Amino acid sequence: MKKIYYLKSCSTCQKIIAQLHITNDVVLQNIKEEKITEEQLNEMALLAGSYNQLFSKVALKYRAMGLNKLSLTEENYKKYILEEYTFLKRPVVIINNKIFIGSSKSNVSALISEFNP
């Protein structure tokens, strides 16, 4: 299974996706139009090792809501990601049982190597 959780309006997501050979077996989920479910988030967290790994601390709402001043727990990270799509670090790509999170150079390089034949 190949699945990409992304934000259609995010230019970084678009650039990364453009580097991948998208075939008919790839599921693309625009998280703004189709919210991620608790089941999907739980699967991501299991592969990532924690909800914290999936949480974006650069999201504008992170500071606006004062979350940067709090000590967040795993349950908090999960709750906020489910409530507001902007808190999911993106893109999140699942290839079989491997997960690639975010847009760091090393992550994108590993993703492209794994994703493209």
PDB file of N, CA and C in Angstrom:
ATOM      1  N   MET A   1       0.830  -1.178   0.000  1.00  0.00           N
ATOM      2  CA  MET A   1       0.000   0.000   0.000  1.00  0.00           C
ATOM      3  C   MET A   1       0.879   1.248   0.000  1.00  0.00           C
ATOM      4  N   LYS A   2       0.507   2.208  -0.808  1.00  0.00           N
ATOM      5  CA  LYS A   2       1.163   3.510  -0.826  1.00  0.00           C
ATOM      6  C   LYS A   2       0.096   4.565  -0.596  1.00  0.00           C
ATOM      7  N   LYS A   3       0.294   5.368   0.449  1.00  0.00           N
ATOM      8  CA  LYS A   3      -0.677   6.408   0.770  1.00  0.00           C
ATOM      9  C   LYS A   3       0.061   7.689   1.117  1.00  0.00           C
ATOM     10  N   ILE A   4      -0.475   8.801   0.610  1.00  0.00           N
ATOM     11  CA  ILE A   4       0.120  10.101   0.865  1.00  0.00           C
ATOM     12  C   ILE A   4      -0.933  11.004   1.498  1.00  0.00           C
ATOM     13  N   TYR A   5      -0.632  11.472   2.702  1.00  0.00           N
ATOM     14  CA  TYR A   5      -1.459  12.454   3.380  1.00  0.00           C
ATOM     15  C   TYR A   5      -0.780  13.797   3.139  1.00  0.00           C
ATOM     16  N   TYR A   6      -1.494  14.727   2.533  1.00  0.00           N
ATOM     17  CA  TYR A   6      -0.887  15.991   2.142  1.00  0.00           C
ATOM     18  C   TYR A   6      -1.920  17.106   2.192  1.00  0.00           C
ATOM     19  N   LEU A   7      -1.442  18.315   1.975  1.00  0.00           N
ATOM     20  CA  LEU A   7      -2.314  19.476   1.890  1.00  0.00           C
ATOM     21  C   LEU A   7      -2.171  20.023   0.473  1.00  0.00           C
ATOM     22  N   LYS A   8      -3.258  20.031  -0.258  1.00  0.00           N
ATOM     23  CA  LYS A   8      -3.254  20.426  -1.663  1.00  0.00           C
ATOM     24  C   LYS A   8      -2.714  21.837  -1.875  1.00  0.00           C
ATOM     25  N   SER A   9      -2.975  22.731  -0.936  1.00  0.00           N
ATOM     26  CA  SER A   9      -2.543  24.120  -1.077  1.00  0.00           C
ATOM     27  C   SER A   9      -1.106  24.358  -0.611  1.00  0.00           C
ATOM     28  N   CYS A  10      -0.442  23.333  -0.140  1.00  0.00           N
ATOM     29  CA  CYS A  10       0.924  23.452   0.368  1.00  0.00           C
ATOM     30  C   CYS A  10       1.924  23.256  -0.777  1.00  0.00           C
ATOM     31  N   SER A  11       2.684  24.296  -1.084  1.00  0.00           N
ATOM     32  CA  SER A  11       3.637  24.210  -2.201  1.00  0.00           C
ATOM     33  C   SER A  11       4.740  23.193  -1.927  1.00  0.00           C
ATOM     34  N   THR A  12       5.117  23.029  -0.664  1.00  0.00           N
ATOM     35  CA  THR A  12       6.137  22.035  -0.324  1.00  0.00           C
ATOM     36  C   THR A  12       5.624  20.630  -0.619  1.00  0.00           C
ATOM     37  N   CYS A  13       4.393  20.351  -0.235  1.00  0.00           N
ATOM     38  CA  CYS A  13       3.792  19.037  -0.537  1.00  0.00           C
ATOM     39  C   CYS A  13       3.745  18.811  -2.045  1.00  0.00           C
ATOM     40  N   GLN A  14       3.338  19.839  -2.785  1.00  0.00           N
ATOM     41  CA  GLN A  14       3.243  19.722  -4.245  1.00  0.00           C
ATOM     42  C   GLN A  14       4.601  19.419  -4.861  1.00  0.00           C
ATOM     43  N   LYS A  15       5.663  20.082  -4.384  1.00  0.00           N
ATOM     44  CA  LYS A  15       7.011  19.847  -4.912  1.00  0.00           C
ATOM     45  C   LYS A  15       7.474  18.420  -4.639  1.00  0.00           C
ATOM     46  N   ILE A  16       7.197  17.942  -3.440  1.00  0.00           N
ATOM     47  CA  ILE A  16       7.609  16.580  -3.084  1.00  0.00           C
ATOM     48  C   ILE A  16       6.836  15.565  -3.908  1.00  0.00           C
ATOM     49  N   ILE A  17       5.528  15.721  -4.008  1.00  0.00           N
ATOM     50  CA  ILE A  17       4.697  14.789  -4.770  1.00  0.00           C
ATOM     51  C   ILE A  17       5.103  14.780  -6.242  1.00  0.00           C
ATOM     52  N   ALA A  18       5.497  15.927  -6.775  1.00  0.00           N
ATOM     53  CA  ALA A  18       5.921  16.014  -8.175  1.00  0.00           C
ATOM     54  C   ALA A  18       7.168  15.176  -8.452  1.00  0.00           C
ATOM     55  N   GLN A  19       7.940  14.892  -7.416  1.00  0.00           N
ATOM     56  CA  GLN A  19       9.157  14.092  -7.580  1.00  0.00           C
ATOM     57  C   GLN A  19       8.892  12.593  -7.489  1.00  0.00           C
ATOM     58  N   LEU A  20       7.660  12.236  -7.173  1.00  0.00           N
ATOM     59  CA  LEU A  20       7.300  10.820  -7.014  1.00  0.00           C
ATOM     60  C   LEU A  20       6.581  10.314  -8.250  1.00  0.00           C
ATOM     61  N   HIS A  21       6.801   9.066  -8.562  1.00  0.00           N
ATOM     62  CA  HIS A  21       6.091   8.445  -9.686  1.00  0.00           C
ATOM     63  C   HIS A  21       4.760   7.924  -9.157  1.00  0.00           C
ATOM     64  N   ILE A  22       3.723   8.753  -9.275  1.00  0.00           N
ATOM     65  CA  ILE A  22       2.401   8.410  -8.772  1.00  0.00           C
ATOM     66  C   ILE A  22       1.703   7.494  -9.774  1.00  0.00           C
ATOM     67  N   THR A  23       1.327   6.331  -9.303  1.00  0.00           N
ATOM     68  CA  THR A  23       0.608   5.366 -10.135  1.00  0.00           C
ATOM     69  C   THR A  23      -0.801   5.178  -9.582  1.00  0.00           C
ATOM     70  N   ASN A  24      -1.593   4.371 -10.254  1.00  0.00           N
ATOM     71  CA  ASN A  24      -2.993   4.162  -9.847  1.00  0.00           C
ATOM     72  C   ASN A  24      -3.147   3.519  -8.477  1.00  0.00           C
ATOM     73  N   ASP A  25      -2.099   2.848  -7.995  1.00  0.00           N
ATOM     74  CA  ASP A  25      -2.216   2.178  -6.697  1.00  0.00           C
ATOM     75  C   ASP A  25      -1.872   3.108  -5.519  1.00  0.00           C
ATOM     76  N   VAL A  26      -1.551   4.353  -5.800  1.00  0.00           N
ATOM     77  CA  VAL A  26      -1.226   5.319  -4.749  1.00  0.00           C
ATOM     78  C   VAL A  26      -2.494   6.069  -4.342  1.00  0.00           C
ATOM     79  N   VAL A  27      -2.758   6.094  -3.041  1.00  0.00           N
ATOM     80  CA  VAL A  27      -3.910   6.811  -2.515  1.00  0.00           C
ATOM     81  C   VAL A  27      -3.436   8.174  -2.020  1.00  0.00           C
ATOM     82  N   LEU A  28      -4.022   9.221  -2.582  1.00  0.00           N
ATOM     83  CA  LEU A  28      -3.722  10.588  -2.170  1.00  0.00           C
ATOM     84  C   LEU A  28      -4.877  11.113  -1.328  1.00  0.00           C
ATOM     85  N   GLN A  29      -4.573  11.603  -0.137  1.00  0.00           N
ATOM     86  CA  GLN A  29      -5.625  12.142   0.727  1.00  0.00           C
ATOM     87  C   GLN A  29      -5.274  13.572   1.112  1.00  0.00           C
ATOM     88  N   ASN A  30      -6.048  14.511   0.565  1.00  0.00           N
ATOM     89  CA  ASN A  30      -5.908  15.916   0.912  1.00  0.00           C
ATOM     90  C   ASN A  30      -6.556  16.093   2.283  1.00  0.00           C
ATOM     91  N   ILE A  31      -5.746  16.332   3.299  1.00  0.00           N
ATOM     92  CA  ILE A  31      -6.251  16.313   4.675  1.00  0.00           C
ATOM     93  C   ILE A  31      -7.158  17.486   5.024  1.00  0.00           C
ATOM     94  N   LYS A  32      -7.192  18.498   4.186  1.00  0.00           N
ATOM     95  CA  LYS A  32      -8.121  19.609   4.428  1.00  0.00           C
ATOM     96  C   LYS A  32      -9.523  19.226   3.976  1.00  0.00           C
ATOM     97  N   GLU A  33      -9.627  18.522   2.857  1.00  0.00           N
ATOM     98  CA  GLU A  33     -10.927  18.128   2.317  1.00  0.00           C
ATOM     99  C   GLU A  33     -11.432  16.823   2.928  1.00  0.00           C
ATOM    100  N   GLU A  34     -10.524  15.928   3.233  1.00  0.00           N
ATOM    101  CA  GLU A  34     -10.888  14.630   3.816  1.00  0.00           C
ATOM    102  C   GLU A  34     -10.084  14.454   5.101  1.00  0.00           C
ATOM    103  N   LYS A  35     -10.705  14.795   6.226  1.00  0.00           N
ATOM    104  CA  LYS A  35     -10.005  14.747   7.513  1.00  0.00           C
ATOM    105  C   LYS A  35      -9.455  13.349   7.779  1.00  0.00           C
ATOM    106  N   ILE A  36      -8.317  13.325   8.435  1.00  0.00           N
ATOM    107  CA  ILE A  36      -7.783  12.021   8.824  1.00  0.00           C
ATOM    108  C   ILE A  36      -8.628  11.484   9.976  1.00  0.00           C
ATOM    109  N   THR A  37      -8.777  10.197   9.983  1.00  0.00           N
ATOM    110  CA  THR A  37      -9.577   9.550  11.020  1.00  0.00           C
ATOM    111  C   THR A  37      -8.671   9.161  12.184  1.00  0.00           C
ATOM    112  N   GLU A  38      -9.283   8.857  13.298  1.00  0.00           N
ATOM    113  CA  GLU A  38      -8.513   8.401  14.452  1.00  0.00           C
ATOM    114  C   GLU A  38      -7.770   7.114  14.113  1.00  0.00           C
ATOM    115  N   GLU A  39      -8.416   6.242  13.362  1.00  0.00           N
ATOM    116  CA  GLU A  39      -7.787   4.978  12.960  1.00  0.00           C
ATOM    117  C   GLU A  39      -6.544   5.246  12.099  1.00  0.00           C
ATOM    118  N   GLN A  40      -6.663   6.173  11.146  1.00  0.00           N
ATOM    119  CA  GLN A  40      -5.519   6.508  10.296  1.00  0.00           C
ATOM    120  C   GLN A  40      -4.384   7.101  11.129  1.00  0.00           C
ATOM    121  N   LEU A  41      -4.735   8.003  12.050  1.00  0.00           N
ATOM    122  CA  LEU A  41      -3.723   8.634  12.890  1.00  0.00           C
ATOM    123  C   LEU A  41      -3.048   7.608  13.793  1.00  0.00           C
ATOM    124  N   ASN A  42      -3.817   6.687  14.331  1.00  0.00           N
ATOM    125  CA  ASN A  42      -3.243   5.633  15.173  1.00  0.00           C
ATOM    126  C   ASN A  42      -2.255   4.788  14.377  1.00  0.00           C
ATOM    127  N   GLU A  43      -2.600   4.479  13.123  1.00  0.00           N
ATOM    128  CA  GLU A  43      -1.689   3.710  12.265  1.00  0.00           C
ATOM    129  C   GLU A  43      -0.388   4.487  12.038  1.00  0.00           C
ATOM    130  N   MET A  44      -0.516   5.776  11.746  1.00  0.00           N
ATOM    131  CA  MET A  44       0.666   6.612  11.530  1.00  0.00           C
ATOM    132  C   MET A  44       1.539   6.636  12.786  1.00  0.00           C
ATOM    133  N   ALA A  45       0.914   6.824  13.943  1.00  0.00           N
ATOM    134  CA  ALA A  45       1.660   6.908  15.203  1.00  0.00           C
ATOM    135  C   ALA A  45       2.361   5.598  15.524  1.00  0.00           C
ATOM    136  N   LEU A  46       1.710   4.500  15.217  1.00  0.00           N
ATOM    137  CA  LEU A  46       2.323   3.190  15.445  1.00  0.00           C
ATOM    138  C   LEU A  46       3.587   3.047  14.604  1.00  0.00           C
ATOM    139  N   LEU A  47       3.507   3.454  13.341  1.00  0.00           N
ATOM    140  CA  LEU A  47       4.669   3.378  12.450  1.00  0.00           C
ATOM    141  C   LEU A  47       5.744   4.400  12.826  1.00  0.00           C
ATOM    142  N   ALA A  48       5.312   5.575  13.273  1.00  0.00           N
ATOM    143  CA  ALA A  48       6.249   6.656  13.599  1.00  0.00           C
ATOM    144  C   ALA A  48       6.876   6.500  14.989  1.00  0.00           C
ATOM    145  N   GLY A  49       6.171   5.807  15.867  1.00  0.00           N
ATOM    146  CA  GLY A  49       6.667   5.639  17.223  1.00  0.00           C
ATOM    147  C   GLY A  49       6.000   6.547  18.237  1.00  0.00           C
ATOM    148  N   SER A  50       5.330   7.608  17.758  1.00  0.00           N
ATOM    149  CA  SER A  50       4.618   8.507  18.670  1.00  0.00           C
ATOM    150  C   SER A  50       3.780   9.501  17.871  1.00  0.00           C
ATOM    151  N   TYR A  51       2.855  10.144  18.562  1.00  0.00           N
ATOM    152  CA  TYR A  51       2.068  11.221  17.957  1.00  0.00           C
ATOM    153  C   TYR A  51       2.938  12.481  17.847  1.00  0.00           C
ATOM    154  N   ASN A  52       3.855  12.632  18.773  1.00  0.00           N
ATOM    155  CA  ASN A  52       4.763  13.769  18.768  1.00  0.00           C
ATOM    156  C   ASN A  52       5.536  13.844  17.440  1.00  0.00           C
ATOM    157  N   GLN A  53       5.955  12.708  16.915  1.00  0.00           N
ATOM    158  CA  GLN A  53       6.685  12.666  15.640  1.00  0.00           C
ATOM    159  C   GLN A  53       5.849  13.201  14.483  1.00  0.00           C
ATOM    160  N   LEU A  54       4.540  13.127  14.613  1.00  0.00           N
ATOM    161  CA  LEU A  54       3.620  13.562  13.556  1.00  0.00           C
ATOM    162  C   LEU A  54       3.163  15.007  13.730  1.00  0.00           C
ATOM    163  N   PHE A  55       3.473  15.600  14.854  1.00  0.00           N
ATOM    164  CA  PHE A  55       2.952  16.920  15.215  1.00  0.00           C
ATOM    165  C   PHE A  55       3.861  18.023  14.688  1.00  0.00           C
ATOM    166  N   SER A  56       3.262  18.999  14.025  1.00  0.00           N
ATOM    167  CA  SER A  56       4.012  20.125  13.474  1.00  0.00           C
ATOM    168  C   SER A  56       4.038  21.284  14.458  1.00  0.00           C
ATOM    169  N   LYS A  57       5.227  21.583  14.953  1.00  0.00           N
ATOM    170  CA  LYS A  57       5.388  22.711  15.867  1.00  0.00           C
ATOM    171  C   LYS A  57       5.665  24.007  15.114  1.00  0.00           C
ATOM    172  N   VAL A  58       5.693  23.953  13.792  1.00  0.00           N
ATOM    173  CA  VAL A  58       5.856  25.174  12.998  1.00  0.00           C
ATOM    174  C   VAL A  58       4.516  25.675  12.456  1.00  0.00           C
ATOM    175  N   ALA A  59       3.457  24.949  12.744  1.00  0.00           N
ATOM    176  CA  ALA A  59       2.121  25.397  12.331  1.00  0.00           C
ATOM    177  C   ALA A  59       1.818  26.734  13.004  1.00  0.00           C
ATOM    178  N   LEU A  60       1.225  27.645  12.263  1.00  0.00           N
ATOM    179  CA  LEU A  60       0.914  28.974  12.798  1.00  0.00           C
ATOM    180  C   LEU A  60       0.062  28.909  14.062  1.00  0.00           C
ATOM    181  N   LYS A  61      -0.845  27.962  14.103  1.00  0.00           N
ATOM    182  CA  LYS A  61      -1.750  27.859  15.253  1.00  0.00           C
ATOM    183  C   LYS A  61      -1.045  27.363  16.518  1.00  0.00           C
ATOM    184  N   TYR A  62       0.118  26.751  16.357  1.00  0.00           N
ATOM    185  CA  TYR A  62       0.860  26.243  17.518  1.00  0.00           C
ATOM    186  C   TYR A  62       1.174  27.385  18.486  1.00  0.00           C
ATOM    187  N   ARG A  63       1.689  28.468  17.973  1.00  0.00           N
ATOM    188  CA  ARG A  63       1.984  29.640  18.811  1.00  0.00           C
ATOM    189  C   ARG A  63       0.719  30.445  19.100  1.00  0.00           C
ATOM    190  N   ALA A  64      -0.136  30.576  18.098  1.00  0.00           N
ATOM    191  CA  ALA A  64      -1.366  31.372  18.268  1.00  0.00           C
ATOM    192  C   ALA A  64      -2.237  30.828  19.399  1.00  0.00           C
ATOM    193  N   MET A  65      -2.258  29.517  19.549  1.00  0.00           N
ATOM    194  CA  MET A  65      -3.061  28.894  20.603  1.00  0.00           C
ATOM    195  C   MET A  65      -2.290  28.780  21.920  1.00  0.00           C
ATOM    196  N   GLY A  66      -1.042  29.217  21.913  1.00  0.00           N
ATOM    197  CA  GLY A  66      -0.230  29.159  23.124  1.00  0.00           C
ATOM    198  C   GLY A  66       0.273  27.770  23.471  1.00  0.00           C
ATOM    199  N   LEU A  67       0.222  26.859  22.508  1.00  0.00           N
ATOM    200  CA  LEU A  67       0.646  25.476  22.772  1.00  0.00           C
ATOM    201  C   LEU A  67       2.143  25.387  23.030  1.00  0.00           C
ATOM    202  N   ASN A  68       2.897  26.345  22.486  1.00  0.00           N
ATOM    203  CA  ASN A  68       4.340  26.356  22.694  1.00  0.00           C
ATOM    204  C   ASN A  68       4.717  26.617  24.156  1.00  0.00           C
ATOM    205  N   LYS A  69       3.778  27.093  24.932  1.00  0.00           N
ATOM    206  CA  LYS A  69       4.025  27.382  26.347  1.00  0.00           C
ATOM    207  C   LYS A  69       3.555  26.254  27.256  1.00  0.00           C
ATOM    208  N   LEU A  70       2.987  25.218  26.663  1.00  0.00           N
ATOM    209  CA  LEU A  70       2.470  24.088  27.436  1.00  0.00           C
ATOM    210  C   LEU A  70       3.375  22.876  27.291  1.00  0.00           C
ATOM    211  N   SER A  71       3.261  21.980  28.223  1.00  0.00           N
ATOM    212  CA  SER A  71       3.962  20.700  28.145  1.00  0.00           C
ATOM    213  C   SER A  71       2.947  19.676  27.633  1.00  0.00           C
ATOM    214  N   LEU A  72       3.006  19.405  26.350  1.00  0.00           N
ATOM    215  CA  LEU A  72       2.002  18.541  25.722  1.00  0.00           C
ATOM    216  C   LEU A  72       2.336  17.061  25.909  1.00  0.00           C
ATOM    217  N   THR A  73       1.274  16.268  26.083  1.00  0.00           N
ATOM    218  CA  THR A  73       1.410  14.818  26.202  1.00  0.00           C
ATOM    219  C   THR A  73       1.075  14.172  24.862  1.00  0.00           C
ATOM    220  N   GLU A  74       1.305  12.893  24.769  1.00  0.00           N
ATOM    221  CA  GLU A  74       0.951  12.150  23.555  1.00  0.00           C
ATOM    222  C   GLU A  74      -0.540  12.290  23.245  1.00  0.00           C
ATOM    223  N   GLU A  75      -1.362  12.240  24.274  1.00  0.00           N
ATOM    224  CA  GLU A  75      -2.810  12.397  24.073  1.00  0.00           C
ATOM    225  C   GLU A  75      -3.147  13.792  23.558  1.00  0.00           C
ATOM    226  N   ASN A  76      -2.426  14.798  24.040  1.00  0.00           N
ATOM    227  CA  ASN A  76      -2.626  16.163  23.541  1.00  0.00           C
ATOM    228  C   ASN A  76      -2.279  16.247  22.064  1.00  0.00           C
ATOM    229  N   TYR A  77      -1.121  15.683  21.689  1.00  0.00           N
ATOM    230  CA  TYR A  77      -0.716  15.711  20.277  1.00  0.00           C
ATOM    231  C   TYR A  77      -1.782  15.053  19.404  1.00  0.00           C
ATOM    232  N   LYS A  78      -2.252  13.911  19.841  1.00  0.00           N
ATOM    233  CA  LYS A  78      -3.284  13.185  19.088  1.00  0.00           C
ATOM    234  C   LYS A  78      -4.543  14.037  18.957  1.00  0.00           C
ATOM    235  N   LYS A  79      -4.995  14.594  20.054  1.00  0.00           N
ATOM    236  CA  LYS A  79      -6.210  15.410  20.071  1.00  0.00           C
ATOM    237  C   LYS A  79      -6.099  16.590  19.113  1.00  0.00           C
ATOM    238  N   TYR A  80      -4.997  17.318  19.191  1.00  0.00           N
ATOM    239  CA  TYR A  80      -4.841  18.505  18.345  1.00  0.00           C
ATOM    240  C   TYR A  80      -4.732  18.150  16.862  1.00  0.00           C
ATOM    241  N   ILE A  81      -4.052  17.066  16.551  1.00  0.00           N
ATOM    242  CA  ILE A  81      -3.946  16.658  15.137  1.00  0.00           C
ATOM    243  C   ILE A  81      -5.327  16.295  14.597  1.00  0.00           C
ATOM    244  N   LEU A  82      -6.118  15.593  15.385  1.00  0.00           N
ATOM    245  CA  LEU A  82      -7.463  15.213  14.938  1.00  0.00           C
ATOM    246  C   LEU A  82      -8.389  16.420  14.818  1.00  0.00           C
ATOM    247  N   GLU A  83      -8.194  17.412  15.673  1.00  0.00           N
ATOM    248  CA  GLU A  83      -9.048  18.598  15.642  1.00  0.00           C
ATOM    249  C   GLU A  83      -8.683  19.566  14.526  1.00  0.00           C
ATOM    250  N   GLU A  84      -7.404  19.664  14.204  1.00  0.00           N
ATOM    251  CA  GLU A  84      -6.942  20.678  13.261  1.00  0.00           C
ATOM    252  C   GLU A  84      -5.882  20.085  12.331  1.00  0.00           C
ATOM    253  N   TYR A  85      -6.223  19.956  11.055  1.00  0.00           N
ATOM    254  CA  TYR A  85      -5.329  19.330  10.075  1.00  0.00           C
ATOM    255  C   TYR A  85      -3.960  19.990  10.006  1.00  0.00           C
ATOM    256  N   THR A  86      -3.882  21.264  10.325  1.00  0.00           N
ATOM    257  CA  THR A  86      -2.619  21.991  10.204  1.00  0.00           C
ATOM    258  C   THR A  86      -1.539  21.466  11.157  1.00  0.00           C
ATOM    259  N   PHE A  87      -1.942  20.735  12.195  1.00  0.00           N
ATOM    260  CA  PHE A  87      -0.966  20.203  13.146  1.00  0.00           C
ATOM    261  C   PHE A  87      -0.308  18.909  12.681  1.00  0.00           C
ATOM    262  N   LEU A  88      -0.748  18.341  11.584  1.00  0.00           N
ATOM    263  CA  LEU A  88      -0.080  17.151  11.053  1.00  0.00           C
ATOM    264  C   LEU A  88       1.117  17.596  10.236  1.00  0.00           C
ATOM    265  N   LYS A  89       2.297  17.120  10.616  1.00  0.00           N
ATOM    266  CA  LYS A  89       3.508  17.414   9.863  1.00  0.00           C
ATOM    267  C   LYS A  89       3.336  16.746   8.502  1.00  0.00           C
ATOM    268  N   ARG A  90       3.595  17.482   7.434  1.00  0.00           N
ATOM    269  CA  ARG A  90       3.287  16.919   6.129  1.00  0.00           C
ATOM    270  C   ARG A  90       4.402  17.146   5.120  1.00  0.00           C
ATOM    271  N   PRO A  91       4.351  16.322   4.094  1.00  0.00           N
ATOM    272  CA  PRO A  91       3.422  15.211   3.894  1.00  0.00           C
ATOM    273  C   PRO A  91       3.795  14.014   4.766  1.00  0.00           C
ATOM    274  N   VAL A  92       2.821  13.144   4.938  1.00  0.00           N
ATOM    275  CA  VAL A  92       3.071  11.847   5.563  1.00  0.00           C
ATOM    276  C   VAL A  92       2.842  10.817   4.466  1.00  0.00           C
ATOM    277  N   VAL A  93       3.852  10.005   4.238  1.00  0.00           N
ATOM    278  CA  VAL A  93       3.768   8.990   3.189  1.00  0.00           C
ATOM    279  C   VAL A  93       3.994   7.630   3.833  1.00  0.00           C
ATOM    280  N   ILE A  94       3.069   6.725   3.552  1.00  0.00           N
ATOM    281  CA  ILE A  94       3.199   5.347   4.037  1.00  0.00           C
ATOM    282  C   ILE A  94       3.392   4.449   2.827  1.00  0.00           C
ATOM    283  N   ILE A  95       4.473   3.695   2.869  1.00  0.00           N
ATOM    284  CA  ILE A  95       4.758   2.718   1.818  1.00  0.00           C
ATOM    285  C   ILE A  95       4.885   1.377   2.524  1.00  0.00           C
ATOM    286  N   ASN A  96       3.888   0.524   2.314  1.00  0.00           N
ATOM    287  CA  ASN A  96       3.792  -0.737   3.040  1.00  0.00           C
ATOM    288  C   ASN A  96       3.865  -0.441   4.531  1.00  0.00           C
ATOM    289  N   ASN A  97       4.911  -0.840   5.230  1.00  0.00           N
ATOM    290  CA  ASN A  97       4.990  -0.577   6.668  1.00  0.00           C
ATOM    291  C   ASN A  97       6.062   0.446   7.013  1.00  0.00           C
ATOM    292  N   LYS A  98       6.430   1.285   6.047  1.00  0.00           N
ATOM    293  CA  LYS A  98       7.405   2.345   6.302  1.00  0.00           C
ATOM    294  C   LYS A  98       6.692   3.691   6.226  1.00  0.00           C
ATOM    295  N   ILE A  99       7.119   4.606   7.105  1.00  0.00           N
ATOM    296  CA  ILE A  99       6.501   5.926   7.128  1.00  0.00           C
ATOM    297  C   ILE A  99       7.565   7.005   6.922  1.00  0.00           C
ATOM    298  N   PHE A 100       7.194   8.009   6.173  1.00  0.00           N
ATOM    299  CA  PHE A 100       8.056   9.153   5.910  1.00  0.00           C
ATOM    300  C   PHE A 100       7.256  10.396   6.294  1.00  0.00           C
ATOM    301  N   ILE A 101       7.821  11.204   7.187  1.00  0.00           N
ATOM    302  CA  ILE A 101       7.080  12.327   7.762  1.00  0.00           C
ATOM    303  C   ILE A 101       7.821  13.629   7.508  1.00  0.00           C
ATOM    304  N   GLY A 102       7.124  14.575   6.910  1.00  0.00           N
ATOM    305  CA  GLY A 102       7.671  15.908   6.773  1.00  0.00           C
ATOM    306  C   GLY A 102       8.522  16.128   5.544  1.00  0.00           C
ATOM    307  N   SER A 103       9.146  17.310   5.529  1.00  0.00           N
ATOM    308  CA  SER A 103       9.829  17.754   4.322  1.00  0.00           C
ATOM    309  C   SER A 103      11.322  17.993   4.504  1.00  0.00           C
ATOM    310  N   SER A 104      11.905  17.401   5.545  1.00  0.00           N
ATOM    311  CA  SER A 104      13.350  17.568   5.711  1.00  0.00           C
ATOM    312  C   SER A 104      14.065  16.944   4.511  1.00  0.00           C
ATOM    313  N   LYS A 105      15.218  17.485   4.200  1.00  0.00           N
ATOM    314  CA  LYS A 105      15.975  17.030   3.031  1.00  0.00           C
ATOM    315  C   LYS A 105      16.266  15.532   3.092  1.00  0.00           C
ATOM    316  N   SER A 106      16.701  15.052   4.253  1.00  0.00           N
ATOM    317  CA  SER A 106      17.037  13.629   4.392  1.00  0.00           C
ATOM    318  C   SER A 106      15.794  12.753   4.261  1.00  0.00           C
ATOM    319  N   ASN A 107      14.667  13.211   4.799  1.00  0.00           N
ATOM    320  CA  ASN A 107      13.426  12.451   4.702  1.00  0.00           C
ATOM    321  C   ASN A 107      12.948  12.370   3.257  1.00  0.00           C
ATOM    322  N   VAL A 108      12.979  13.486   2.553  1.00  0.00           N
ATOM    323  CA  VAL A 108      12.526  13.515   1.157  1.00  0.00           C
ATOM    324  C   VAL A 108      13.424  12.640   0.298  1.00  0.00           C
ATOM    325  N   SER A 109      14.718  12.688   0.536  1.00  0.00           N
ATOM    326  CA  SER A 109      15.658  11.856  -0.222  1.00  0.00           C
ATOM    327  C   SER A 109      15.372  10.371  -0.004  1.00  0.00           C
ATOM    328  N   ALA A 110      15.166   9.979   1.258  1.00  0.00           N
ATOM    329  CA  ALA A 110      14.841   8.582   1.570  1.00  0.00           C
ATOM    330  C   ALA A 110      13.503   8.187   0.955  1.00  0.00           C
ATOM    331  N   LEU A 111      12.536   9.090   1.006  1.00  0.00           N
ATOM    332  CA  LEU A 111      11.221   8.836   0.422  1.00  0.00           C
ATOM    333  C   LEU A 111      11.319   8.591  -1.075  1.00  0.00           C
ATOM    334  N   ILE A 112      12.019   9.444  -1.768  1.00  0.00           N
ATOM    335  CA  ILE A 112      12.149   9.316  -3.228  1.00  0.00           C
ATOM    336  C   ILE A 112      12.827   7.990  -3.579  1.00  0.00           C
ATOM    337  N   SER A 113      13.856   7.630  -2.846  1.00  0.00           N
ATOM    338  CA  SER A 113      14.552   6.354  -3.077  1.00  0.00           C
ATOM    339  C   SER A 113      13.624   5.159  -2.877  1.00  0.00           C
ATOM    340  N   GLU A 114      12.809   5.225  -1.846  1.00  0.00           N
ATOM    341  CA  GLU A 114      11.901   4.126  -1.537  1.00  0.00           C
ATOM    342  C   GLU A 114      10.691   4.097  -2.480  1.00  0.00           C
ATOM    343  N   PHE A 115      10.184   5.262  -2.813  1.00  0.00           N
ATOM    344  CA  PHE A 115       8.936   5.365  -3.571  1.00  0.00           C
ATOM    345  C   PHE A 115       9.106   5.074  -5.057  1.00  0.00           C
ATOM    346  N   ASN A 116      10.153   5.637  -5.628  1.00  0.00           N
ATOM    347  CA  ASN A 116      10.347   5.508  -7.079  1.00  0.00           C
ATOM    348  C   ASN A 116      11.071   4.213  -7.416  1.00  0.00           C
ATOM    349  N   PRO A 117      10.607   3.536  -8.461  1.00  0.00           N
ATOM    350  CA  PRO A 117      11.225   2.251  -8.845  1.00  0.00           C
ATOM    351  C   PRO A 117      12.632   2.421  -9.384  1.00  0.00           C
TER     352      PRO A 117
END
